[in-house]
Amino acid sequence: MKKLKWTLFLLWGICAVSMAQEKTDEALFREAIQTLASDEFGGRKPLSPHEPLTINYIADQFKALGVKPANGNSYFQPVPLLSVKTQIRKNDIVVNGKKGNLTLKPFTDFVLWSQRSEKNLKLSKADYVFVGFGIHAPEYGWNDYEGIDVKGKIVVILVNDPGFYNDNLFRGKNMTYYGRWTYKFEEANRQGAAGAFVIHDTAPASYDWSVVQNSWTGKNLSLYSENEVLNFKGWVTNASAKLLFEKAGGSYDEALAAAQKKGFKSYTLGVKSTIELINDAQIENSANVAGVFEGTDLKDEYIIYSAHWDHFGIGIPIDGDSIYNGASDNASGVAALFVIANRLNQLPQRPRRSILFLAVTAEESGLLGSEYYATHPLFALDKTVANLNMDGYAPKHRTRDITLGGAGDAETDKYVLEAAATQGRIVKPAANQTGGGYFRSDHFNFAKVGVPVVLAGGGRDYLDPKAIEDEKATYGERRTYHQPSDEYKPWWNVAGSLEDIYLYYGIGLRLANESYFPKWNEGIIYKEIREGKKK
């Protein structure tokens, strides 16, 4: 009987949408994307002159949709960011090795930035150390830093984790957090390295070199930390890395093969560089935009819907266009917040729990806004039921299936399964996540502090595959990820977008109308954090 009740509830919450409401939702969704992704908003880079326009627009929309300020009388949570523009004195990096010297050119061969506030930093004749994947993972019996001292040295690190090359290691093709560049820099910093280069390789990285170039040039942002040891973080191309190993008298291919084996021992390469950095650094406040839709008898418990508002601003021109509008990534996610808020505002009765709408800053700089919220929450984490994050929500065609990220991690899976069933869709676990998608969006920072997350969206079994082919034939197929070409197009199909939004709406509404707190499953590290057994 209980299951029937919830099925009927979900059917009402997800499917009982009048044609007029559908049109209203679609109009609201499209208008918000078109506005946020317009040239007027300048690509929405945090701390740019376009940030005030962006965050005030979001706050105004929240207010109009009946969502109240979440930070006292303010919609804004200040997020202190360290903004650093790094230059290299003499511009190039010269590597001195046994087999001669190598000159690396910025942007072409490497991209480098600092997250230190000191104006001048210098590494003198610093050794390069190859540390394989740069991983210390006791649960996998793996420690690339065992027996090697990297203090004051430059570590050279492979992208991804050993499972990319061997299905019997780690989680096979499903990248672990140890494969993410963020982890690699964190571990290098813990080990006391003076600098760190991750070797870019398109297949294991899951994106090409242009994404690195567009992401890490100009002013770079981070959360300020007094514990930052690394003078610089950076990427080096695969081709340049091969030359570096040659100058050391070795072979990159042999080093790559050796690093994939358990028991690999890191080693000093025998090449050195002197690198002088000049930092133009400021600490400034960006902002998360936070609004709350208050509940009734359980209003002190919270469901969080989140989406990042930022993109890359104005950058390197491609085909004459220098504005990185970020329509799909992630004006569409913010627009989805508005659609859900609009539907909640029209309910005849408020849900029991409160619902927090959180548009976070600086996702593109390393999930910074959500990290700040997770470590400085406006509402207690032990009263936070779940996070439903929305990233890249348009364009999307309708699908018969839903892809579930983190399948098997938490009891939230059943909410996705039951909500999907009301839409006549099936759920498929995300597989072969070589790009580490689970760790690349803001939900991950909530998982890290123990809050269960929902990560689900339309799959690849399209209801009308011919329509997709017709679109490609008419409008062409362009790569838009982190490119200026990520612009809103009136011809976008958003039927699948709305269906996914309604899925999340139904799940959130169900969570907001019950008193149960979904739990992480046994063996999942976040369970211990949630239960206070691990920090």
Protein backbone atom coordinates (compact mmCIF):
# COMPACT_ATOMS: atom_id res chain seq x y z
CA MET A 1 0.00 0.00 0.00
CA LYS A 2 2.87 2.34 0.89
CA LYS A 3 4.54 1.75 -2.47
CA LEU A 4 1.26 2.41 -4.28
CA LYS A 5 0.91 5.67 -2.36
CA TRP A 6 4.36 6.82 -3.40
CA THR A 7 3.81 5.74 -6.98
CA LEU A 8 0.66 7.81 -7.15
CA PHE A 9 2.48 10.71 -5.51
CA LEU A 10 5.32 10.55 -8.01
CA LEU A 11 2.90 10.30 -10.90
CA TRP A 12 1.25 13.45 -9.64
CA GLY A 13 4.58 15.19 -9.04
CA ILE A 14 6.23 14.26 -12.33
CA CYS A 15 3.62 13.48 -14.93
CA ALA A 16 0.54 15.52 -14.08
CA VAL A 17 1.65 18.54 -16.07
CA SER A 18 -0.90 20.37 -18.14
CA MET A 19 -0.02 21.45 -21.65
CA ALA A 20 -0.18 25.05 -20.47
CA GLN A 21 2.31 24.29 -17.68
CA GLU A 22 4.65 22.53 -20.12
CA LYS A 23 4.66 25.59 -22.32
CA THR A 24 5.26 27.83 -19.31
CA ASP A 25 8.15 25.67 -18.13
CA GLU A 26 9.72 25.53 -21.57
CA ALA A 27 9.37 29.27 -22.07
CA LEU A 28 10.93 29.97 -18.67
CA PHE A 29 13.72 27.47 -19.34
CA ARG A 30 14.60 28.85 -22.76
CA GLU A 31 14.38 32.49 -21.70
CA ALA A 32 16.72 31.96 -18.75
CA ILE A 33 19.31 30.14 -20.85
CA GLN A 34 19.13 32.74 -23.60
CA THR A 35 19.58 35.55 -21.08
CA LEU A 36 22.42 34.05 -19.03
CA ALA A 37 24.26 32.90 -22.16
CA SER A 38 23.89 36.22 -23.99
CA ASP A 39 26.95 38.30 -24.85
CA GLU A 40 25.70 40.89 -22.34
CA PHE A 41 26.65 38.48 -19.53
CA GLY A 42 30.16 38.12 -20.96
CA GLY A 43 30.64 34.43 -20.25
CA ARG A 44 29.92 34.81 -16.50
CA LYS A 45 33.48 34.54 -15.17
CA PRO A 46 33.66 34.96 -11.40
CA LEU A 47 35.20 38.26 -10.20
CA SER A 48 34.76 39.75 -13.67
CA PRO A 49 32.66 42.88 -14.29
CA HIS A 50 29.89 40.49 -15.42
CA GLU A 51 29.52 38.72 -12.07
CA PRO A 52 27.22 41.36 -10.45
CA LEU A 53 24.88 41.25 -13.45
CA THR A 54 24.78 37.45 -13.26
CA ILE A 55 24.21 36.96 -9.56
CA ASN A 56 21.66 39.78 -9.34
CA TYR A 57 19.70 38.28 -12.23
CA ILE A 58 19.60 34.92 -10.45
CA ALA A 59 18.58 36.51 -7.16
CA ASP A 60 15.83 38.49 -8.90
CA GLN A 61 14.51 35.32 -10.48
CA PHE A 62 14.50 33.52 -7.14
CA LYS A 63 12.55 36.39 -5.58
CA ALA A 64 10.01 36.43 -8.40
CA LEU A 65 9.51 32.67 -8.02
CA GLY A 66 8.74 32.84 -4.30
CA VAL A 67 12.18 31.72 -3.12
CA LYS A 68 13.36 33.69 -0.07
CA PRO A 69 16.93 34.79 0.79
CA ALA A 70 18.83 31.93 2.44
CA ASN A 71 21.63 33.91 4.10
CA GLY A 72 19.67 36.04 6.53
CA ASN A 73 18.22 38.86 4.44
CA SER A 74 20.61 38.21 1.57
CA TYR A 75 20.57 35.87 -1.41
CA PHE A 76 24.38 35.94 -1.48
CA GLN A 77 26.96 33.85 0.34
CA PRO A 78 30.36 35.53 -0.06
CA VAL A 79 33.04 33.14 -1.31
CA PRO A 80 36.62 34.45 -0.85
CA LEU A 81 38.70 33.56 -3.89
CA LEU A 82 42.37 33.98 -4.56
CA SER A 83 42.75 35.37 -8.06
CA VAL A 84 46.23 34.95 -9.53
CA LYS A 85 47.66 35.83 -12.92
CA THR A 86 50.99 34.04 -13.23
CA GLN A 87 53.82 34.97 -15.55
CA ILE A 88 57.08 33.14 -16.06
CA ARG A 89 60.17 35.31 -16.09
CA LYS A 90 61.85 34.70 -19.48
CA ASN A 91 58.53 33.18 -20.62
CA ASP A 92 59.82 29.71 -21.62
CA ILE A 93 60.86 26.80 -19.40
CA VAL A 94 64.30 25.41 -20.19
CA VAL A 95 64.88 21.80 -19.14
CA ASN A 96 68.53 20.81 -18.73
CA GLY A 97 69.17 17.08 -19.16
CA LYS A 98 71.77 14.41 -19.77
CA LYS A 99 70.95 14.37 -23.48
CA GLY A 100 70.82 18.13 -23.98
CA ASN A 101 68.36 20.93 -23.29
CA LEU A 102 64.67 21.25 -24.07
CA THR A 103 62.77 24.52 -24.39
CA LEU A 104 59.08 24.34 -23.54
CA LYS A 105 56.80 27.08 -24.87
CA PRO A 106 53.87 28.34 -22.79
CA PHE A 107 50.40 27.56 -24.09
CA THR A 108 51.78 25.35 -26.88
CA ASP A 109 53.77 22.89 -24.76
CA PHE A 110 52.53 23.58 -21.26
CA VAL A 111 50.01 25.54 -19.22
CA LEU A 112 51.03 26.66 -15.74
CA TRP A 113 49.45 28.62 -12.91
CA SER A 114 50.09 29.37 -9.25
CA GLN A 115 47.77 29.34 -6.26
CA ARG A 116 50.20 31.19 -4.04
CA SER A 117 49.75 34.85 -3.08
CA GLU A 118 53.48 35.72 -3.00
CA LYS A 119 54.51 38.05 -5.81
CA ASN A 120 57.82 36.33 -6.60
CA LEU A 121 58.53 32.60 -6.46
CA LYS A 122 61.64 30.80 -7.65
CA LEU A 123 62.68 27.19 -8.12
CA SER A 124 66.44 26.95 -8.65
CA LYS A 125 67.76 23.95 -10.56
CA ALA A 126 64.82 21.91 -9.36
CA ASP A 127 64.86 18.18 -10.13
CA TYR A 128 62.02 16.56 -12.03
CA VAL A 129 60.68 13.38 -10.41
CA PHE A 130 58.44 10.90 -12.24
CA VAL A 131 55.85 9.69 -9.72
CA GLY A 132 53.72 7.55 -12.03
CA PHE A 133 50.05 8.29 -11.37
CA GLY A 134 50.92 10.31 -8.26
CA ILE A 135 48.59 8.21 -6.10
CA HIS A 136 48.67 7.21 -2.44
CA ALA A 137 45.71 4.87 -2.00
CA PRO A 138 46.08 2.47 0.96
CA GLU A 139 42.77 0.73 0.17
CA TYR A 140 44.18 -0.31 -3.20
CA GLY A 141 47.64 -1.12 -1.83
CA TRP A 142 49.14 1.63 -3.99
CA ASN A 143 51.66 4.33 -3.08
CA ASP A 144 53.57 6.07 -5.84
CA TYR A 145 55.33 8.27 -3.27
CA GLU A 146 56.73 5.44 -1.19
CA GLY A 147 60.50 5.76 -0.75
CA ILE A 148 60.87 9.03 -2.67
CA ASP A 149 61.37 12.53 -1.27
CA VAL A 150 59.86 15.15 -3.55
CA LYS A 151 60.26 18.19 -1.31
CA GLY A 152 61.48 21.15 -3.36
CA LYS A 153 61.16 19.16 -6.60
CA ILE A 154 58.88 19.13 -9.65
CA VAL A 155 56.72 16.02 -9.90
CA VAL A 156 55.61 14.71 -13.28
CA ILE A 157 52.34 12.79 -13.11
CA LEU A 158 50.25 10.62 -15.43
CA VAL A 159 46.59 11.52 -15.92
CA ASN A 160 43.77 9.15 -14.83
CA ASP A 161 44.49 6.06 -12.71
CA PRO A 162 45.92 2.56 -13.39
CA GLY A 163 42.45 1.12 -14.03
CA PHE A 164 42.31 2.95 -17.36
CA TYR A 165 45.00 0.60 -18.62
CA ASN A 166 44.19 -2.54 -16.61
CA ASP A 167 40.62 -3.54 -15.71
CA ASN A 168 41.95 -5.52 -12.74
CA LEU A 169 43.30 -2.40 -11.02
CA PHE A 170 41.34 0.15 -9.01
CA ARG A 171 37.82 0.25 -10.56
CA GLY A 172 38.86 -0.53 -14.10
CA LYS A 173 37.55 1.94 -16.67
CA ASN A 174 35.46 3.68 -14.00
CA MET A 175 37.87 6.38 -12.90
CA THR A 176 38.31 6.87 -9.17
CA TYR A 177 38.96 10.25 -7.58
CA TYR A 178 42.64 9.28 -7.61
CA GLY A 179 42.54 9.79 -11.37
CA ARG A 180 41.35 13.39 -11.24
CA TRP A 181 43.83 16.21 -11.70
CA THR A 182 42.47 17.87 -8.56
CA TYR A 183 43.53 14.88 -6.45
CA LYS A 184 46.96 14.71 -8.09
CA PHE A 185 47.72 18.32 -7.20
CA GLU A 186 46.33 17.84 -3.68
CA GLU A 187 48.59 14.84 -3.10
CA ALA A 188 51.65 16.55 -4.59
CA ASN A 189 51.00 19.45 -2.21
CA ARG A 190 50.71 17.06 0.77
CA GLN A 191 54.01 15.47 -0.26
CA GLY A 192 55.74 18.87 -0.24
CA ALA A 193 56.56 19.14 -3.95
CA ALA A 194 57.54 22.57 -5.26
CA GLY A 195 55.78 22.14 -8.59
CA ALA A 196 53.60 19.61 -10.39
CA PHE A 197 52.96 18.83 -14.05
CA VAL A 198 50.23 16.42 -15.14
CA ILE A 199 50.93 14.88 -18.55
CA HIS A 200 47.99 15.49 -20.85
CA ASP A 201 46.84 12.57 -22.98
CA THR A 202 43.48 12.97 -24.70
CA ALA A 203 42.08 9.45 -24.20
CA PRO A 204 42.69 9.04 -20.44
CA ALA A 205 41.97 12.74 -19.80
CA SER A 206 38.72 12.53 -21.84
CA TYR A 207 39.26 15.99 -23.37
CA ASP A 208 41.77 17.47 -25.78
CA TRP A 209 44.56 20.00 -25.21
CA SER A 210 42.39 22.97 -26.21
CA VAL A 211 40.23 22.39 -23.11
CA VAL A 212 43.34 22.74 -20.94
CA GLN A 213 44.40 25.87 -22.81
CA ASN A 214 40.98 27.47 -22.41
CA SER A 215 40.64 26.51 -18.75
CA TRP A 216 43.92 27.63 -17.23
CA THR A 217 45.10 30.76 -18.98
CA GLY A 218 44.59 34.32 -17.76
CA LYS A 219 43.60 34.84 -14.12
CA ASN A 220 43.08 31.61 -12.23
CA LEU A 221 40.93 31.17 -9.17
CA SER A 222 41.20 29.08 -6.04
CA LEU A 223 40.01 29.05 -2.46
CA TYR A 224 42.75 30.77 -0.47
CA SER A 225 44.78 28.36 1.67
CA GLU A 226 47.77 28.98 3.91
CA ASN A 227 48.70 25.32 3.41
CA GLU A 228 49.58 25.70 -0.28
CA VAL A 229 53.15 24.42 -0.77
CA LEU A 230 53.23 24.01 -4.53
CA ASN A 231 54.73 27.01 -6.31
CA PHE A 232 52.86 26.00 -9.42
CA LYS A 233 50.44 23.50 -10.91
CA GLY A 234 50.36 22.76 -14.58
CA TRP A 235 49.80 20.53 -17.55
CA VAL A 236 52.34 19.48 -20.16
CA THR A 237 51.49 17.97 -23.54
CA ASN A 238 52.09 14.31 -24.21
CA ALA A 239 54.54 15.19 -27.00
CA SER A 240 56.55 17.48 -24.72
CA ALA A 241 56.64 14.84 -21.99
CA LYS A 242 58.13 12.35 -24.42
CA LEU A 243 60.88 14.84 -25.28
CA LEU A 244 61.50 15.50 -21.59
CA PHE A 245 62.03 11.77 -20.95
CA GLU A 246 64.37 11.61 -23.96
CA LYS A 247 66.48 14.44 -22.55
CA ALA A 248 66.66 12.44 -19.32
CA GLY A 249 68.05 9.50 -21.28
CA GLY A 250 64.91 7.42 -20.90
CA SER A 251 61.72 6.46 -22.68
CA TYR A 252 58.27 7.83 -21.87
CA ASP A 253 56.57 4.70 -23.24
CA GLU A 254 58.67 2.49 -20.96
CA ALA A 255 57.94 4.76 -18.00
CA LEU A 256 54.20 4.63 -18.73
CA ALA A 257 54.27 0.83 -18.90
CA ALA A 258 56.24 0.56 -15.64
CA ALA A 259 53.89 2.94 -13.78
CA GLN A 260 50.91 0.69 -14.53
CA LYS A 261 52.33 -2.15 -12.45
CA LYS A 262 51.72 -2.55 -8.75
CA GLY A 263 54.90 -1.88 -6.82
CA PHE A 264 56.17 0.77 -9.24
CA LYS A 265 58.96 2.86 -7.72
CA SER A 266 59.09 6.57 -8.53
CA TYR A 267 62.44 8.01 -9.54
CA THR A 268 64.33 11.22 -10.23
CA LEU A 269 64.54 11.78 -13.96
CA GLY A 270 67.89 13.52 -14.10
CA VAL A 271 66.65 16.75 -15.66
CA LYS A 272 66.38 20.15 -13.97
CA SER A 273 64.80 23.57 -14.47
CA THR A 274 65.08 27.00 -12.93
CA ILE A 275 61.65 28.60 -12.95
CA GLU A 276 60.88 32.12 -11.73
CA LEU A 277 57.26 33.11 -11.33
CA ILE A 278 55.69 36.53 -11.01
CA ASN A 279 52.23 36.50 -9.46
CA ASP A 280 49.66 39.25 -9.62
CA ALA A 281 47.40 38.11 -6.78
CA GLN A 282 44.29 39.46 -5.08
CA ILE A 283 41.81 38.01 -2.64
CA GLU A 284 38.28 39.01 -3.62
CA ASN A 285 34.77 37.84 -2.81
CA SER A 286 32.69 36.05 -5.39
CA ALA A 287 29.26 34.76 -4.38
CA ASN A 288 27.07 31.72 -4.26
CA VAL A 289 23.42 32.66 -4.81
CA ALA A 290 21.20 30.91 -2.27
CA GLY A 291 17.44 30.98 -1.85
CA VAL A 292 15.15 28.86 0.26
CA PHE A 293 11.62 27.60 -0.28
CA GLU A 294 10.50 27.09 3.29
CA GLY A 295 8.79 23.90 4.37
CA THR A 296 6.21 23.34 7.08
CA ASP A 297 6.61 20.99 10.06
CA LEU A 298 10.14 19.86 9.00
CA LYS A 299 11.33 23.23 7.72
CA ASP A 300 14.69 22.86 9.55
CA GLU A 301 15.61 19.94 7.26
CA TYR A 302 16.78 20.67 3.72
CA ILE A 303 16.89 19.30 0.20
CA ILE A 304 19.47 21.10 -1.95
CA TYR A 305 19.08 21.70 -5.67
CA SER A 306 22.33 23.08 -7.06
CA ALA A 307 23.82 24.30 -10.33
CA HIS A 308 26.90 26.37 -11.08
CA TRP A 309 26.38 29.80 -12.63
CA ASP A 310 29.91 30.46 -13.88
CA HIS A 311 31.74 29.87 -17.14
CA PHE A 312 35.04 31.10 -18.64
CA GLY A 313 34.23 34.69 -19.47
CA ILE A 314 36.10 36.36 -22.30
CA GLY A 315 39.14 34.43 -23.48
CA ILE A 316 41.12 33.15 -26.40
CA PRO A 317 39.23 33.81 -29.67
CA ILE A 318 38.16 30.79 -31.69
CA ASP A 319 36.80 31.50 -35.16
CA GLY A 320 36.68 35.17 -34.21
CA ASP A 321 34.55 34.65 -31.08
CA SER A 322 36.11 35.35 -27.67
CA ILE A 323 33.03 35.10 -25.42
CA TYR A 324 32.64 31.71 -23.75
CA ASN A 325 28.88 31.99 -23.28
CA GLY A 326 28.33 28.67 -21.49
CA ALA A 327 24.76 28.08 -22.61
CA SER A 328 24.67 24.34 -21.97
CA ASP A 329 27.45 24.55 -19.37
CA ASN A 330 25.76 25.80 -17.28
CA ALA A 331 23.14 28.42 -17.98
CA SER A 332 20.88 25.42 -18.57
CA GLY A 333 21.42 24.10 -15.03
CA VAL A 334 20.56 27.47 -13.49
CA ALA A 335 17.48 27.65 -15.74
CA ALA A 336 16.48 24.22 -14.41
CA LEU A 337 16.57 25.65 -10.87
CA PHE A 338 14.05 28.27 -11.98
CA VAL A 339 11.72 25.68 -13.52
CA ILE A 340 11.68 23.61 -10.31
CA ALA A 341 11.18 26.71 -8.14
CA ASN A 342 8.32 27.79 -10.39
CA ARG A 343 6.57 24.45 -10.04
CA LEU A 344 7.02 24.42 -6.25
CA ASN A 345 5.63 27.93 -6.04
CA GLN A 346 2.41 26.74 -7.71
CA LEU A 347 1.78 23.85 -5.33
CA PRO A 348 -1.46 24.09 -3.34
CA GLN A 349 0.46 22.99 -0.23
CA ARG A 350 4.09 23.51 0.72
CA PRO A 351 6.28 20.44 1.28
CA ARG A 352 7.25 19.46 4.82
CA ARG A 353 10.97 20.06 4.42
CA SER A 354 12.61 23.21 3.11
CA ILE A 355 14.27 23.28 -0.29
CA LEU A 356 17.49 25.22 -0.84
CA PHE A 357 18.23 26.53 -4.33
CA LEU A 358 21.97 27.02 -4.66
CA ALA A 359 23.64 28.59 -7.70
CA VAL A 360 27.35 28.20 -6.98
CA THR A 361 30.36 30.09 -8.26
CA ALA A 362 33.69 28.94 -9.72
CA GLU A 363 32.81 25.37 -10.66
CA GLU A 364 34.99 25.66 -13.74
CA SER A 365 37.97 26.57 -11.52
CA GLY A 366 37.73 23.35 -9.52
CA LEU A 367 34.26 23.16 -7.90
CA LEU A 368 35.20 26.05 -5.60
CA GLY A 369 31.78 27.51 -4.79
CA SER A 370 30.29 24.17 -3.79
CA GLU A 371 33.44 23.32 -1.82
CA TYR A 372 33.06 26.56 0.09
CA TYR A 373 29.37 25.90 0.80
CA ALA A 374 30.10 22.32 1.89
CA THR A 375 32.72 23.56 4.37
CA HIS A 376 30.77 26.71 5.36
CA PRO A 377 27.13 25.57 5.08
CA LEU A 378 24.29 28.01 5.62
CA PHE A 379 22.27 25.14 7.10
CA ALA A 380 23.58 22.24 9.16
CA LEU A 381 24.87 19.32 7.11
CA ASP A 382 23.31 16.79 9.48
CA LYS A 383 19.96 18.39 8.62
CA THR A 384 20.70 18.30 4.89
CA VAL A 385 18.91 15.30 3.41
CA ALA A 386 20.36 15.14 -0.11
CA ASN A 387 21.84 17.13 -2.96
CA LEU A 388 20.47 17.06 -6.50
CA ASN A 389 22.92 18.82 -8.81
CA MET A 390 22.17 19.94 -12.37
CA ASP A 391 24.92 20.50 -14.91
CA GLY A 392 24.60 20.61 -18.71
CA TYR A 393 20.82 20.29 -19.00
CA ALA A 394 20.30 21.38 -22.59
CA PRO A 395 19.90 20.58 -25.38
CA LYS A 396 18.52 17.10 -24.71
CA HIS A 397 16.20 14.87 -26.70
CA ARG A 398 13.86 12.49 -24.90
CA THR A 399 15.23 9.07 -24.02
CA ARG A 400 13.82 5.75 -22.88
CA ASP A 401 16.62 5.37 -20.36
CA ILE A 402 18.25 7.24 -17.50
CA THR A 403 21.94 6.99 -16.64
CA LEU A 404 22.59 6.71 -12.91
CA GLY A 405 25.95 7.89 -11.62
CA GLY A 406 27.34 6.38 -8.44
CA ALA A 407 24.95 3.44 -8.76
CA GLY A 408 25.03 1.26 -5.68
CA ASP A 409 26.50 3.96 -3.43
CA ALA A 410 23.39 5.09 -1.57
CA GLU A 411 19.72 4.48 -0.88
CA THR A 412 18.93 7.42 -3.16
CA ASP A 413 19.11 4.89 -6.02
CA LYS A 414 15.59 3.68 -5.23
CA TYR A 415 14.21 7.19 -5.53
CA VAL A 416 15.63 7.42 -9.05
CA LEU A 417 14.31 3.97 -9.98
CA GLU A 418 10.78 4.70 -8.79
CA ALA A 419 10.67 8.20 -10.30
CA ALA A 420 11.96 6.84 -13.62
CA ALA A 421 9.27 4.16 -13.61
CA THR A 422 6.54 6.79 -13.42
CA GLN A 423 7.97 8.27 -16.62
CA GLY A 424 8.11 4.86 -18.29
CA ARG A 425 11.91 4.96 -18.36
CA ILE A 426 14.50 2.45 -17.27
CA VAL A 427 17.63 3.15 -15.24
CA LYS A 428 21.08 2.04 -16.36
CA PRO A 429 24.17 2.40 -14.15
CA ALA A 430 26.86 4.65 -15.57
CA ALA A 431 29.62 2.41 -16.94
CA ASN A 432 33.17 2.89 -18.17
CA GLN A 433 33.41 6.38 -16.72
CA THR A 434 36.96 6.90 -17.96
CA GLY A 435 36.58 10.68 -17.65
CA GLY A 436 35.67 10.50 -13.97
CA GLY A 437 32.34 12.26 -14.46
CA TYR A 438 31.28 11.57 -10.86
CA PHE A 439 34.11 13.80 -9.60
CA ARG A 440 33.73 16.61 -12.10
CA SER A 441 30.66 18.45 -10.88
CA ASP A 442 29.46 20.11 -7.71
CA HIS A 443 27.56 17.18 -6.20
CA PHE A 444 30.95 15.61 -5.36
CA ASN A 445 31.69 18.23 -2.70
CA PHE A 446 28.45 17.31 -0.94
CA ALA A 447 29.35 13.62 -1.09
CA LYS A 448 32.77 14.44 0.39
CA VAL A 449 31.10 15.84 3.52
CA GLY A 450 28.68 12.92 3.78
CA VAL A 451 25.53 14.31 2.16
CA PRO A 452 23.89 11.71 -0.15
CA VAL A 453 23.63 12.86 -3.75
CA VAL A 454 21.47 12.12 -6.75
CA LEU A 455 23.29 11.98 -10.08
CA ALA A 456 20.97 10.95 -12.89
CA GLY A 457 19.92 12.11 -16.34
CA GLY A 458 18.86 11.08 -19.83
CA GLY A 459 20.82 8.26 -21.42
CA ARG A 460 21.45 7.40 -25.07
CA ASP A 461 18.41 5.33 -26.03
CA TYR A 462 16.61 8.12 -27.89
CA LEU A 463 12.92 7.99 -28.70
CA ASP A 464 13.55 9.70 -32.04
CA PRO A 465 17.13 9.11 -33.22
CA LYS A 466 16.24 10.33 -36.71
CA ALA A 467 15.49 13.79 -35.31
CA ILE A 468 19.04 13.95 -33.98
CA GLU A 469 20.49 12.96 -37.35
CA ASP A 470 18.29 15.56 -39.06
CA GLU A 471 19.62 18.22 -36.67
CA LYS A 472 23.20 17.30 -37.49
CA ALA A 473 22.45 17.42 -41.20
CA THR A 474 20.78 20.82 -40.90
CA TYR A 475 22.95 22.58 -38.34
CA GLY A 476 26.16 20.59 -38.41
CA GLU A 477 27.95 18.89 -35.56
CA ARG A 478 30.23 21.18 -33.57
CA ARG A 479 32.32 20.60 -30.50
CA THR A 480 31.07 23.03 -27.85
CA TYR A 481 32.52 21.80 -24.53
CA HIS A 482 34.39 24.77 -23.01
CA GLN A 483 34.32 26.57 -26.35
CA PRO A 484 32.84 29.92 -27.46
CA SER A 485 30.45 27.86 -29.60
CA ASP A 486 28.51 26.83 -26.47
CA GLU A 487 25.75 29.32 -27.32
CA TYR A 488 21.98 29.13 -27.07
CA LYS A 489 20.23 28.14 -30.31
CA PRO A 490 16.46 28.58 -30.82
CA TRP A 491 16.34 25.22 -32.61
CA TRP A 492 17.54 23.32 -29.54
CA ASN A 493 15.37 20.37 -28.60
CA VAL A 494 14.68 20.60 -24.86
CA ALA A 495 11.95 17.95 -24.49
CA GLY A 496 14.45 15.60 -22.85
CA SER A 497 15.76 18.46 -20.71
CA LEU A 498 12.33 19.10 -19.27
CA GLU A 499 11.71 15.41 -18.70
CA ASP A 500 14.95 15.19 -16.71
CA ILE A 501 14.02 18.31 -14.76
CA TYR A 502 10.64 16.78 -13.90
CA LEU A 503 12.46 13.63 -12.76
CA TYR A 504 14.53 15.69 -10.31
CA TYR A 505 11.49 17.71 -9.31
CA GLY A 506 9.62 14.54 -8.39
CA ILE A 507 12.54 13.06 -6.46
CA GLY A 508 13.11 16.28 -4.53
CA LEU A 509 9.42 16.68 -3.77
CA ARG A 510 9.22 13.13 -2.47
CA LEU A 511 12.26 13.66 -0.24
CA ALA A 512 10.76 16.93 0.98
CA ASN A 513 7.50 15.27 2.01
CA GLU A 514 8.91 12.40 4.03
CA SER A 515 10.89 12.28 7.28
CA TYR A 516 13.44 9.61 6.29
CA PHE A 517 17.11 10.42 5.69
CA PRO A 518 18.50 8.21 2.88
CA LYS A 519 21.76 6.54 3.87
CA TRP A 520 24.98 5.66 2.11
CA ASN A 521 25.44 1.93 1.61
CA GLU A 522 27.92 -0.20 3.53
CA GLY A 523 31.49 0.02 2.31
CA ILE A 524 31.11 3.52 0.86
CA ILE A 525 33.57 5.96 2.41
CA TYR A 526 31.00 8.74 2.59
CA LYS A 527 28.89 6.62 4.98
CA GLU A 528 31.58 6.88 7.65
CA ILE A 529 31.74 10.64 7.14
CA ARG A 530 27.95 10.97 7.40
CA GLU A 531 27.93 8.96 10.61
CA GLY A 532 30.81 10.92 12.11
CA LYS A 533 33.21 7.99 12.09
CA LYS A 534 35.68 9.57 9.67
CA LYS A 535 36.78 13.13 9.00
